Amino acid sequence: MWHYFFREAPLRIHLLLLAAILLLFWVLSSIAATIVLASAGYDLTVLQKISSGEAGRYVDVLQMLQIIQSVCLFVLPPFVYAYLVSGNISDSLCIKVKPNIAGILLSIAVLFFSVPLINYAGKLNSQIHLPDFMKEIDVWMQEKENFANEVSSAFMNRPASKLPINLLMIAVIPALGEELLFRAVVQQLVIRLVRNMHGGIWITSVLFGALHLQFFTFLPRIILGSLFGYLLEYSRSLWYPILVHFLNNTMAILFAYFGNFFSGMQQLEKMGTEKPELPIVLLSILLTLMTLWIFRKSTLQSRPYSTDT
């Protein structure tokens, strides 16, 4: 019933609807987190302890909160939104079109070829410093980055027996949830708003990078977000960006666990950051763009409609 009302609603109503749904699920996630903490014998004061540099002591709590927050804020809202505005969830969220083997291999190649560019962007990002009059903002950003690194280290330093839960929490749920929200919902709204596919992809990528509150890895996240965006728009299948997002996060986890045992993984992390940088980065850009172009051609037949925007 509701989707008949929202289907013909103007763009501003869809934006307000999405904001309302996200607010509702933020409240629900807070309630769920409180209940889970209480059932585990914790109260809300544990959150203050975590934020004050004791993340390592409360890693189990952090895992529970991370999973609850990711599911409530990223996985569930897109399905509710898609049902209300369309009624056809699979079409609205671009999950109806199944990936093909060629598309899967090419999308993986896009990620691999972009590694030097992403690494180089990370190096540039680390060299950016705010002017003195913005020192307070710079300090705040550094605190957020340090806390994020502390939490990440707490997760990655767990024994190998905890690898499956880390894969679920850091790779599976974020890949599914963030692509559903950002690429299948937000990106489509922004494209309608600016009336340009490329503008919509890059604006959404900036929002995607800002969401993580890790400003010293902001540029790499923008580039990754744009790649995810183009994979969706060129194929109209969300499964490709979900797959590549999952592989990217999985590689980070496996490197944290096993990077010291495999020199190839260490070399991959350094590509684009060691001199000579420019030739490798330019080659990375060229190969990434060429592979995206081939990917677009290979998925042409499976698209439900053209994306020449």
C-alpha atoms as a PDB file:
ATOM      1  CA  MET A   1       0.000   0.000   0.000  1.00  0.00           C
ATOM      2  CA  TRP A   2       2.623   2.535   1.069  1.00  0.00           C
ATOM      3  CA  HIS A   3       4.758   2.039  -2.030  1.00  0.00           C
ATOM      4  CA  TYR A   4       1.882   3.298  -4.192  1.00  0.00           C
ATOM      5  CA  PHE A   5       2.003   6.568  -2.252  1.00  0.00           C
ATOM      6  CA  PHE A   6       5.788   6.994  -2.263  1.00  0.00           C
ATOM      7  CA  ARG A   7       6.408   5.720  -5.810  1.00  0.00           C
ATOM      8  CA  GLU A   8       5.210   8.934  -7.438  1.00  0.00           C
ATOM      9  CA  ALA A   9       6.454  11.202  -4.650  1.00  0.00           C
ATOM     10  CA  PRO A  10       9.027  13.880  -5.571  1.00  0.00           C
ATOM     11  CA  LEU A  11      12.722  13.445  -4.869  1.00  0.00           C
ATOM     12  CA  ARG A  12      12.676  15.572  -1.724  1.00  0.00           C
ATOM     13  CA  ILE A  13      10.097  13.215  -0.184  1.00  0.00           C
ATOM     14  CA  HIS A  14      12.333  10.230  -0.949  1.00  0.00           C
ATOM     15  CA  LEU A  15      15.276  12.013   0.704  1.00  0.00           C
ATOM     16  CA  LEU A  16      13.198  12.817   3.787  1.00  0.00           C
ATOM     17  CA  LEU A  17      11.886   9.249   3.872  1.00  0.00           C
ATOM     18  CA  LEU A  18      15.418   7.832   3.824  1.00  0.00           C
ATOM     19  CA  ALA A  19      16.490  10.224   6.590  1.00  0.00           C
ATOM     20  CA  ALA A  20      13.476   9.201   8.696  1.00  0.00           C
ATOM     21  CA  ILE A  21      14.174   5.487   8.186  1.00  0.00           C
ATOM     22  CA  LEU A  22      17.839   5.916   9.148  1.00  0.00           C
ATOM     23  CA  LEU A  23      16.856   7.889  12.248  1.00  0.00           C
ATOM     24  CA  LEU A  24      14.364   5.190  13.239  1.00  0.00           C
ATOM     25  CA  PHE A  25      16.921   2.415  12.860  1.00  0.00           C
ATOM     26  CA  TRP A  26      19.543   4.458  14.718  1.00  0.00           C
ATOM     27  CA  VAL A  27      17.139   4.592  17.673  1.00  0.00           C
ATOM     28  CA  LEU A  28      16.423   0.868  17.328  1.00  0.00           C
ATOM     29  CA  SER A  29      20.147   0.073  17.182  1.00  0.00           C
ATOM     30  CA  SER A  30      20.716   2.076  20.371  1.00  0.00           C
ATOM     31  CA  ILE A  31      17.928   0.182  22.124  1.00  0.00           C
ATOM     32  CA  ALA A  32      19.223  -3.166  20.849  1.00  0.00           C
ATOM     33  CA  ALA A  33      22.772  -2.320  21.941  1.00  0.00           C
ATOM     34  CA  THR A  34      21.564  -1.364  25.423  1.00  0.00           C
ATOM     35  CA  ILE A  35      19.640  -4.635  25.760  1.00  0.00           C
ATOM     36  CA  VAL A  36      22.604  -6.715  24.561  1.00  0.00           C
ATOM     37  CA  LEU A  37      25.006  -4.908  26.899  1.00  0.00           C
ATOM     38  CA  ALA A  38      22.659  -5.419  29.844  1.00  0.00           C
ATOM     39  CA  SER A  39      22.205  -9.107  29.048  1.00  0.00           C
ATOM     40  CA  ALA A  40      26.003  -9.487  28.934  1.00  0.00           C
ATOM     41  CA  GLY A  41      26.367  -7.846  32.331  1.00  0.00           C
ATOM     42  CA  TYR A  42      27.531  -4.410  31.184  1.00  0.00           C
ATOM     43  CA  ASP A  43      26.024  -0.963  31.597  1.00  0.00           C
ATOM     44  CA  LEU A  44      26.408   2.124  29.404  1.00  0.00           C
ATOM     45  CA  THR A  45      29.480   3.311  31.328  1.00  0.00           C
ATOM     46  CA  VAL A  46      31.478   0.704  29.424  1.00  0.00           C
ATOM     47  CA  LEU A  47      31.162   2.933  26.341  1.00  0.00           C
ATOM     48  CA  GLN A  48      33.067   5.704  28.129  1.00  0.00           C
ATOM     49  CA  LYS A  49      35.822   3.254  29.040  1.00  0.00           C
ATOM     50  CA  ILE A  50      36.074   2.065  25.445  1.00  0.00           C
ATOM     51  CA  SER A  51      36.332   5.625  24.112  1.00  0.00           C
ATOM     52  CA  SER A  52      39.015   6.527  26.663  1.00  0.00           C
ATOM     53  CA  GLY A  53      41.620   4.125  25.320  1.00  0.00           C
ATOM     54  CA  GLU A  54      40.575   0.751  26.714  1.00  0.00           C
ATOM     55  CA  ALA A  55      39.230  -0.814  23.522  1.00  0.00           C
ATOM     56  CA  GLY A  56      41.483  -3.852  23.895  1.00  0.00           C
ATOM     57  CA  ARG A  57      39.869  -4.822  27.201  1.00  0.00           C
ATOM     58  CA  TYR A  58      36.353  -4.752  25.781  1.00  0.00           C
ATOM     59  CA  VAL A  59      36.847  -6.275  22.344  1.00  0.00           C
ATOM     60  CA  ASP A  60      33.890  -8.667  22.780  1.00  0.00           C
ATOM     61  CA  VAL A  61      31.621  -5.715  23.578  1.00  0.00           C
ATOM     62  CA  LEU A  62      32.947  -3.831  20.565  1.00  0.00           C
ATOM     63  CA  GLN A  63      32.213  -6.777  18.301  1.00  0.00           C
ATOM     64  CA  MET A  64      28.627  -7.019  19.522  1.00  0.00           C
ATOM     65  CA  LEU A  65      28.077  -3.280  19.112  1.00  0.00           C
ATOM     66  CA  GLN A  66      29.711  -3.242  15.682  1.00  0.00           C
ATOM     67  CA  ILE A  67      27.499  -6.024  14.353  1.00  0.00           C
ATOM     68  CA  ILE A  68      24.317  -4.512  15.816  1.00  0.00           C
ATOM     69  CA  GLN A  69      25.116  -1.078  14.437  1.00  0.00           C
ATOM     70  CA  SER A  70      26.081  -2.350  10.983  1.00  0.00           C
ATOM     71  CA  VAL A  71      22.953  -4.471  10.595  1.00  0.00           C
ATOM     72  CA  CYS A  72      20.591  -1.801  11.935  1.00  0.00           C
ATOM     73  CA  LEU A  73      22.082   1.189  10.111  1.00  0.00           C
ATOM     74  CA  PHE A  74      23.221  -0.331   6.820  1.00  0.00           C
ATOM     75  CA  VAL A  75      21.612  -3.697   6.056  1.00  0.00           C
ATOM     76  CA  LEU A  76      17.987  -3.210   7.140  1.00  0.00           C
ATOM     77  CA  PRO A  77      17.130   0.418   6.156  1.00  0.00           C
ATOM     78  CA  PRO A  78      17.661  -0.080   2.390  1.00  0.00           C
ATOM     79  CA  PHE A  79      15.139  -2.939   2.327  1.00  0.00           C
ATOM     80  CA  VAL A  80      12.528  -0.863   4.160  1.00  0.00           C
ATOM     81  CA  TYR A  81      13.181   2.118   1.896  1.00  0.00           C
ATOM     82  CA  ALA A  82      13.027  -0.007  -1.270  1.00  0.00           C
ATOM     83  CA  TYR A  83       9.741  -1.583  -0.198  1.00  0.00           C
ATOM     84  CA  LEU A  84       8.157   1.788   0.530  1.00  0.00           C
ATOM     85  CA  VAL A  85       9.241   3.541  -2.672  1.00  0.00           C
ATOM     86  CA  SER A  86       8.976   0.624  -5.072  1.00  0.00           C
ATOM     87  CA  GLY A  87       7.394  -2.536  -3.733  1.00  0.00           C
ATOM     88  CA  ASN A  88       9.862  -4.462  -5.906  1.00  0.00           C
ATOM     89  CA  ILE A  89      12.842  -4.713  -3.578  1.00  0.00           C
ATOM     90  CA  SER A  90      15.134  -6.717  -5.871  1.00  0.00           C
ATOM     91  CA  ASP A  91      14.751  -4.255  -8.751  1.00  0.00           C
ATOM     92  CA  SER A  92      15.004  -1.184  -6.556  1.00  0.00           C
ATOM     93  CA  LEU A  93      18.194  -2.384  -4.845  1.00  0.00           C
ATOM     94  CA  CYS A  94      19.745  -3.734  -8.074  1.00  0.00           C
ATOM     95  CA  ILE A  95      20.077  -7.248  -6.666  1.00  0.00           C
ATOM     96  CA  LYS A  96      17.922  -8.951  -9.299  1.00  0.00           C
ATOM     97  CA  VAL A  97      20.606  -9.087 -11.999  1.00  0.00           C
ATOM     98  CA  LYS A  98      22.945 -11.979 -11.237  1.00  0.00           C
ATOM     99  CA  PRO A  99      26.686 -11.590 -11.908  1.00  0.00           C
ATOM    100  CA  ASN A 100      28.374 -13.552 -14.687  1.00  0.00           C
ATOM    101  CA  ILE A 101      31.827 -15.123 -14.618  1.00  0.00           C
ATOM    102  CA  ALA A 102      33.409 -12.562 -16.949  1.00  0.00           C
ATOM    103  CA  GLY A 103      32.008  -9.697 -14.900  1.00  0.00           C
ATOM    104  CA  ILE A 104      33.243 -11.260 -11.655  1.00  0.00           C
ATOM    105  CA  LEU A 105      36.782 -11.730 -12.979  1.00  0.00           C
ATOM    106  CA  LEU A 106      36.893  -8.227 -14.451  1.00  0.00           C
ATOM    107  CA  SER A 107      35.582  -6.596 -11.283  1.00  0.00           C
ATOM    108  CA  ILE A 108      38.282  -8.403  -9.282  1.00  0.00           C
ATOM    109  CA  ALA A 109      40.844  -7.192 -11.833  1.00  0.00           C
ATOM    110  CA  VAL A 110      39.601  -3.615 -11.336  1.00  0.00           C
ATOM    111  CA  LEU A 111      40.332  -3.916  -7.625  1.00  0.00           C
ATOM    112  CA  PHE A 112      43.761  -5.471  -8.203  1.00  0.00           C
ATOM    113  CA  PHE A 113      44.857  -2.901 -10.802  1.00  0.00           C
ATOM    114  CA  SER A 114      43.708  -0.012  -8.605  1.00  0.00           C
ATOM    115  CA  VAL A 115      45.856  -1.058  -5.606  1.00  0.00           C
ATOM    116  CA  PRO A 116      48.888   1.148  -6.482  1.00  0.00           C
ATOM    117  CA  LEU A 117      46.604   4.153  -7.047  1.00  0.00           C
ATOM    118  CA  ILE A 118      44.807   3.577  -3.746  1.00  0.00           C
ATOM    119  CA  ASN A 119      48.098   3.131  -1.888  1.00  0.00           C
ATOM    120  CA  TYR A 120      49.472   6.312  -3.437  1.00  0.00           C
ATOM    121  CA  ALA A 121      46.317   8.208  -2.482  1.00  0.00           C
ATOM    122  CA  GLY A 122      46.803   6.969   1.072  1.00  0.00           C
ATOM    123  CA  LYS A 123      50.374   8.259   1.078  1.00  0.00           C
ATOM    124  CA  LEU A 124      49.241  11.679  -0.170  1.00  0.00           C
ATOM    125  CA  ASN A 125      46.430  11.716   2.384  1.00  0.00           C
ATOM    126  CA  SER A 126      48.892  11.134   5.234  1.00  0.00           C
ATOM    127  CA  GLN A 127      50.898  14.177   4.122  1.00  0.00           C
ATOM    128  CA  ILE A 128      47.951  16.574   4.289  1.00  0.00           C
ATOM    129  CA  HIS A 129      47.973  18.858   7.324  1.00  0.00           C
ATOM    130  CA  LEU A 130      45.451  21.522   8.232  1.00  0.00           C
ATOM    131  CA  PRO A 131      46.647  25.112   8.800  1.00  0.00           C
ATOM    132  CA  ASP A 132      47.305  26.375  12.330  1.00  0.00           C
ATOM    133  CA  PHE A 133      43.963  28.166  12.650  1.00  0.00           C
ATOM    134  CA  MET A 134      42.258  24.773  12.194  1.00  0.00           C
ATOM    135  CA  LYS A 135      44.425  23.062  14.790  1.00  0.00           C
ATOM    136  CA  GLU A 136      41.466  22.026  16.963  1.00  0.00           C
ATOM    137  CA  ILE A 137      39.838  20.284  14.014  1.00  0.00           C
ATOM    138  CA  ASP A 138      43.141  18.599  13.190  1.00  0.00           C
ATOM    139  CA  VAL A 139      43.457  17.357  16.783  1.00  0.00           C
ATOM    140  CA  TRP A 140      39.869  16.050  16.712  1.00  0.00           C
ATOM    141  CA  MET A 141      40.524  14.235  13.433  1.00  0.00           C
ATOM    142  CA  GLN A 142      43.690  12.705  14.851  1.00  0.00           C
ATOM    143  CA  GLU A 143      41.816  11.515  17.939  1.00  0.00           C
ATOM    144  CA  LYS A 144      39.165   9.864  15.754  1.00  0.00           C
ATOM    145  CA  GLU A 145      41.868   8.222  13.656  1.00  0.00           C
ATOM    146  CA  ASN A 146      43.736   6.975  16.722  1.00  0.00           C
ATOM    147  CA  PHE A 147      40.557   5.528  18.219  1.00  0.00           C
ATOM    148  CA  ALA A 148      39.656   3.803  14.940  1.00  0.00           C
ATOM    149  CA  ASN A 149      43.166   2.344  14.732  1.00  0.00           C
ATOM    150  CA  GLU A 150      42.946   1.183  18.346  1.00  0.00           C
ATOM    151  CA  VAL A 151      39.644  -0.574  17.716  1.00  0.00           C
ATOM    152  CA  SER A 152      40.963  -2.116  14.493  1.00  0.00           C
ATOM    153  CA  SER A 153      44.071  -3.376  16.294  1.00  0.00           C
ATOM    154  CA  ALA A 154      41.914  -4.857  19.055  1.00  0.00           C
ATOM    155  CA  PHE A 155      39.991  -6.855  16.443  1.00  0.00           C
ATOM    156  CA  MET A 156      43.030  -7.916  14.411  1.00  0.00           C
ATOM    157  CA  ASN A 157      45.115  -8.981  17.396  1.00  0.00           C
ATOM    158  CA  ARG A 158      42.630 -11.646  18.371  1.00  0.00           C
ATOM    159  CA  PRO A 159      43.686 -15.300  17.887  1.00  0.00           C
ATOM    160  CA  ALA A 160      43.170 -17.032  14.547  1.00  0.00           C
ATOM    161  CA  SER A 161      40.169 -18.863  16.011  1.00  0.00           C
ATOM    162  CA  LYS A 162      38.366 -15.493  15.917  1.00  0.00           C
ATOM    163  CA  LEU A 163      39.048 -15.027  12.200  1.00  0.00           C
ATOM    164  CA  PRO A 164      35.524 -16.156  11.131  1.00  0.00           C
ATOM    165  CA  ILE A 165      33.816 -13.576  13.361  1.00  0.00           C
ATOM    166  CA  ASN A 166      36.188 -10.887  12.060  1.00  0.00           C
ATOM    167  CA  LEU A 167      35.370 -11.851   8.479  1.00  0.00           C
ATOM    168  CA  LEU A 168      31.660 -11.621   9.261  1.00  0.00           C
ATOM    169  CA  MET A 169      31.965  -8.298  11.086  1.00  0.00           C
ATOM    170  CA  ILE A 170      34.571  -6.521   8.931  1.00  0.00           C
ATOM    171  CA  ALA A 171      34.083  -8.087   5.490  1.00  0.00           C
ATOM    172  CA  VAL A 172      30.652  -9.679   5.000  1.00  0.00           C
ATOM    173  CA  ILE A 173      28.298  -7.282   6.807  1.00  0.00           C
ATOM    174  CA  PRO A 174      29.995  -4.019   5.696  1.00  0.00           C
ATOM    175  CA  ALA A 175      30.244  -5.189   2.084  1.00  0.00           C
ATOM    176  CA  LEU A 176      26.556  -6.053   2.018  1.00  0.00           C
ATOM    177  CA  GLY A 177      25.240  -3.198   4.145  1.00  0.00           C
ATOM    178  CA  GLU A 178      27.368  -0.308   2.892  1.00  0.00           C
ATOM    179  CA  GLU A 179      26.764  -1.199  -0.748  1.00  0.00           C
ATOM    180  CA  LEU A 180      23.023  -1.540  -0.170  1.00  0.00           C
ATOM    181  CA  LEU A 181      22.828   1.850   1.515  1.00  0.00           C
ATOM    182  CA  PHE A 182      25.396   3.892  -0.393  1.00  0.00           C
ATOM    183  CA  ARG A 183      25.339   2.438  -3.883  1.00  0.00           C
ATOM    184  CA  ALA A 184      21.796   1.043  -4.212  1.00  0.00           C
ATOM    185  CA  VAL A 185      20.021   3.869  -2.366  1.00  0.00           C
ATOM    186  CA  VAL A 186      22.080   7.013  -1.717  1.00  0.00           C
ATOM    187  CA  GLN A 187      23.917   6.966  -5.051  1.00  0.00           C
ATOM    188  CA  GLN A 188      20.675   6.583  -6.993  1.00  0.00           C
ATOM    189  CA  LEU A 189      19.135   9.521  -5.112  1.00  0.00           C
ATOM    190  CA  VAL A 190      22.196  11.715  -5.639  1.00  0.00           C
ATOM    191  CA  ILE A 191      22.294  10.880  -9.361  1.00  0.00           C
ATOM    192  CA  ARG A 192      18.664  11.979  -9.603  1.00  0.00           C
ATOM    193  CA  LEU A 193      19.491  15.102  -7.607  1.00  0.00           C
ATOM    194  CA  VAL A 194      22.465  16.253  -9.712  1.00  0.00           C
ATOM    195  CA  ARG A 195      21.176  14.634 -12.935  1.00  0.00           C
ATOM    196  CA  ASN A 196      24.590  13.241 -13.755  1.00  0.00           C
ATOM    197  CA  MET A 197      25.890   9.721 -13.212  1.00  0.00           C
ATOM    198  CA  HIS A 198      29.522  10.681 -12.668  1.00  0.00           C
ATOM    199  CA  GLY A 199      28.656  13.508 -10.295  1.00  0.00           C
ATOM    200  CA  GLY A 200      26.377  11.205  -8.320  1.00  0.00           C
ATOM    201  CA  ILE A 201      29.052   8.526  -8.039  1.00  0.00           C
ATOM    202  CA  TRP A 202      31.750  10.893  -6.785  1.00  0.00           C
ATOM    203  CA  ILE A 203      29.514  12.796  -4.369  1.00  0.00           C
ATOM    204  CA  THR A 204      28.357   9.494  -2.896  1.00  0.00           C
ATOM    205  CA  SER A 205      31.976   8.370  -2.645  1.00  0.00           C
ATOM    206  CA  VAL A 206      32.819  11.491  -0.635  1.00  0.00           C
ATOM    207  CA  LEU A 207      29.918  10.730   1.714  1.00  0.00           C
ATOM    208  CA  PHE A 208      31.104   7.120   1.902  1.00  0.00           C
ATOM    209  CA  GLY A 209      34.615   8.241   2.848  1.00  0.00           C
ATOM    210  CA  ALA A 210      33.381  10.768   5.407  1.00  0.00           C
ATOM    211  CA  LEU A 211      31.117   8.237   7.138  1.00  0.00           C
ATOM    212  CA  HIS A 212      34.076   6.213   8.410  1.00  0.00           C
ATOM    213  CA  LEU A 213      35.487   9.198  10.357  1.00  0.00           C
ATOM    214  CA  GLN A 214      39.000   8.106   9.403  1.00  0.00           C
ATOM    215  CA  PHE A 215      40.209  11.279   7.735  1.00  0.00           C
ATOM    216  CA  PHE A 216      43.775  10.095   7.210  1.00  0.00           C
ATOM    217  CA  THR A 217      42.472   7.382   4.873  1.00  0.00           C
ATOM    218  CA  PHE A 218      39.814   9.622   3.324  1.00  0.00           C
ATOM    219  CA  LEU A 219      41.207   9.771  -0.234  1.00  0.00           C
ATOM    220  CA  PRO A 220      41.641   5.988  -0.632  1.00  0.00           C
ATOM    221  CA  ARG A 221      38.055   5.467   0.508  1.00  0.00           C
ATOM    222  CA  ILE A 222      36.797   7.998  -2.038  1.00  0.00           C
ATOM    223  CA  ILE A 223      38.605   6.144  -4.826  1.00  0.00           C
ATOM    224  CA  LEU A 224      37.314   2.783  -3.618  1.00  0.00           C
ATOM    225  CA  GLY A 225      33.794   4.185  -3.332  1.00  0.00           C
ATOM    226  CA  SER A 226      33.944   5.527  -6.879  1.00  0.00           C
ATOM    227  CA  LEU A 227      35.058   2.125  -8.197  1.00  0.00           C
ATOM    228  CA  PHE A 228      32.160   0.460  -6.401  1.00  0.00           C
ATOM    229  CA  GLY A 229      29.843   3.092  -7.862  1.00  0.00           C
ATOM    230  CA  TYR A 230      30.982   2.555 -11.439  1.00  0.00           C
ATOM    231  CA  LEU A 231      30.752  -1.220 -11.086  1.00  0.00           C
ATOM    232  CA  LEU A 232      27.094  -0.787 -10.159  1.00  0.00           C
ATOM    233  CA  GLU A 233      26.195   1.801 -12.787  1.00  0.00           C
ATOM    234  CA  TYR A 234      27.956  -0.069 -15.586  1.00  0.00           C
ATOM    235  CA  SER A 235      26.299  -3.395 -14.769  1.00  0.00           C
ATOM    236  CA  ARG A 236      23.126  -2.480 -12.819  1.00  0.00           C
ATOM    237  CA  SER A 237      23.992  -5.373 -10.510  1.00  0.00           C
ATOM    238  CA  LEU A 238      24.897  -4.615  -6.906  1.00  0.00           C
ATOM    239  CA  TRP A 239      26.561  -8.019  -6.575  1.00  0.00           C
ATOM    240  CA  TYR A 240      29.735  -6.790  -8.283  1.00  0.00           C
ATOM    241  CA  PRO A 241      30.498  -3.946  -5.835  1.00  0.00           C
ATOM    242  CA  ILE A 242      29.456  -6.191  -2.937  1.00  0.00           C
ATOM    243  CA  LEU A 243      31.951  -8.826  -4.104  1.00  0.00           C
ATOM    244  CA  VAL A 244      34.800  -6.344  -4.613  1.00  0.00           C
ATOM    245  CA  HIS A 245      34.065  -4.590  -1.311  1.00  0.00           C
ATOM    246  CA  PHE A 246      34.126  -7.980   0.424  1.00  0.00           C
ATOM    247  CA  LEU A 247      37.432  -8.935  -1.211  1.00  0.00           C
ATOM    248  CA  ASN A 248      39.024  -5.599  -0.314  1.00  0.00           C
ATOM    249  CA  ASN A 249      38.087  -5.930   3.350  1.00  0.00           C
ATOM    250  CA  THR A 250      39.017  -9.611   3.420  1.00  0.00           C
ATOM    251  CA  MET A 251      42.468  -8.811   2.028  1.00  0.00           C
ATOM    252  CA  ALA A 252      42.996  -6.298   4.842  1.00  0.00           C
ATOM    253  CA  ILE A 253      42.027  -8.906   7.445  1.00  0.00           C
ATOM    254  CA  LEU A 254      44.211 -11.636   5.950  1.00  0.00           C
ATOM    255  CA  PHE A 255      47.140  -9.236   5.692  1.00  0.00           C
ATOM    256  CA  ALA A 256      46.759  -8.358   9.377  1.00  0.00           C
ATOM    257  CA  TYR A 257      46.767 -12.042  10.312  1.00  0.00           C
ATOM    258  CA  PHE A 258      49.205 -13.542   7.822  1.00  0.00           C
ATOM    259  CA  GLY A 259      51.036 -10.637   6.156  1.00  0.00           C
ATOM    260  CA  ASN A 260      54.316 -11.391   7.907  1.00  0.00           C
ATOM    261  CA  PHE A 261      54.366 -14.885   6.408  1.00  0.00           C
ATOM    262  CA  PHE A 262      53.867 -13.911   2.759  1.00  0.00           C
ATOM    263  CA  SER A 263      56.229 -11.445   1.105  1.00  0.00           C
ATOM    264  CA  GLY A 264      53.812 -11.040  -1.808  1.00  0.00           C
ATOM    265  CA  MET A 265      51.192  -9.518   0.475  1.00  0.00           C
ATOM    266  CA  GLN A 266      53.776  -7.079   1.823  1.00  0.00           C
ATOM    267  CA  GLN A 267      54.800  -6.053  -1.685  1.00  0.00           C
ATOM    268  CA  LEU A 268      51.174  -5.513  -2.657  1.00  0.00           C
ATOM    269  CA  GLU A 269      50.714  -3.089   0.236  1.00  0.00           C
ATOM    270  CA  LYS A 270      53.788  -1.082  -0.852  1.00  0.00           C
ATOM    271  CA  MET A 271      52.885  -0.805  -4.550  1.00  0.00           C
ATOM    272  CA  GLY A 272      52.475   2.855  -5.475  1.00  0.00           C
ATOM    273  CA  THR A 273      54.247   4.190  -2.386  1.00  0.00           C
ATOM    274  CA  GLU A 274      57.881   3.404  -3.214  1.00  0.00           C
ATOM    275  CA  LYS A 275      59.944   5.224  -5.844  1.00  0.00           C
ATOM    276  CA  PRO A 276      59.552   5.360  -8.759  1.00  0.00           C
ATOM    277  CA  GLU A 277      55.914   6.042  -7.853  1.00  0.00           C
ATOM    278  CA  LEU A 278      54.576   7.968 -10.836  1.00  0.00           C
ATOM    279  CA  PRO A 279      55.002   5.327 -13.584  1.00  0.00           C
ATOM    280  CA  ILE A 280      53.362   2.646 -11.428  1.00  0.00           C
ATOM    281  CA  VAL A 281      50.480   4.938 -10.430  1.00  0.00           C
ATOM    282  CA  LEU A 282      49.886   6.061 -14.024  1.00  0.00           C
ATOM    283  CA  LEU A 283      49.912   2.431 -15.168  1.00  0.00           C
ATOM    284  CA  SER A 284      47.479   1.618 -12.362  1.00  0.00           C
ATOM    285  CA  ILE A 285      45.091   4.356 -13.527  1.00  0.00           C
ATOM    286  CA  LEU A 286      45.336   3.237 -17.160  1.00  0.00           C
ATOM    287  CA  LEU A 287      44.746  -0.444 -16.403  1.00  0.00           C
ATOM    288  CA  THR A 288      41.884   0.337 -14.015  1.00  0.00           C
ATOM    289  CA  LEU A 289      40.093   2.529 -16.572  1.00  0.00           C
ATOM    290  CA  MET A 290      40.638   0.004 -19.370  1.00  0.00           C
ATOM    291  CA  THR A 291      39.320  -2.837 -17.228  1.00  0.00           C
ATOM    292  CA  LEU A 292      36.275  -0.785 -16.220  1.00  0.00           C
ATOM    293  CA  TRP A 293      35.592  -0.120 -19.910  1.00  0.00           C
ATOM    294  CA  ILE A 294      35.861  -3.836 -20.733  1.00  0.00           C
ATOM    295  CA  PHE A 295      33.683  -4.630 -17.704  1.00  0.00           C
ATOM    296  CA  ARG A 296      31.012  -2.258 -18.990  1.00  0.00           C
ATOM    297  CA  LYS A 297      31.006  -3.932 -22.393  1.00  0.00           C
ATOM    298  CA  SER A 298      30.946  -7.447 -20.922  1.00  0.00           C
ATOM    299  CA  THR A 299      27.895  -6.741 -18.750  1.00  0.00           C
ATOM    300  CA  LEU A 300      25.982  -4.854 -21.447  1.00  0.00           C
ATOM    301  CA  GLN A 301      23.623  -7.722 -22.267  1.00  0.00           C
ATOM    302  CA  SER A 302      22.611  -8.317 -18.652  1.00  0.00           C
ATOM    303  CA  ARG A 303      21.645  -4.713 -17.909  1.00  0.00           C
ATOM    304  CA  PRO A 304      17.920  -4.095 -17.531  1.00  0.00           C
ATOM    305  CA  TYR A 305      18.380  -0.660 -19.096  1.00  0.00           C
ATOM    306  CA  SER A 306      21.083   1.616 -20.437  1.00  0.00           C
ATOM    307  CA  THR A 307      23.193   3.722 -18.091  1.00  0.00           C
ATOM    308  CA  ASP A 308      24.538   6.229 -20.593  1.00  0.00           C
ATOM    309  CA  THR A 309      23.994   9.256 -18.374  1.00  0.00           C
END
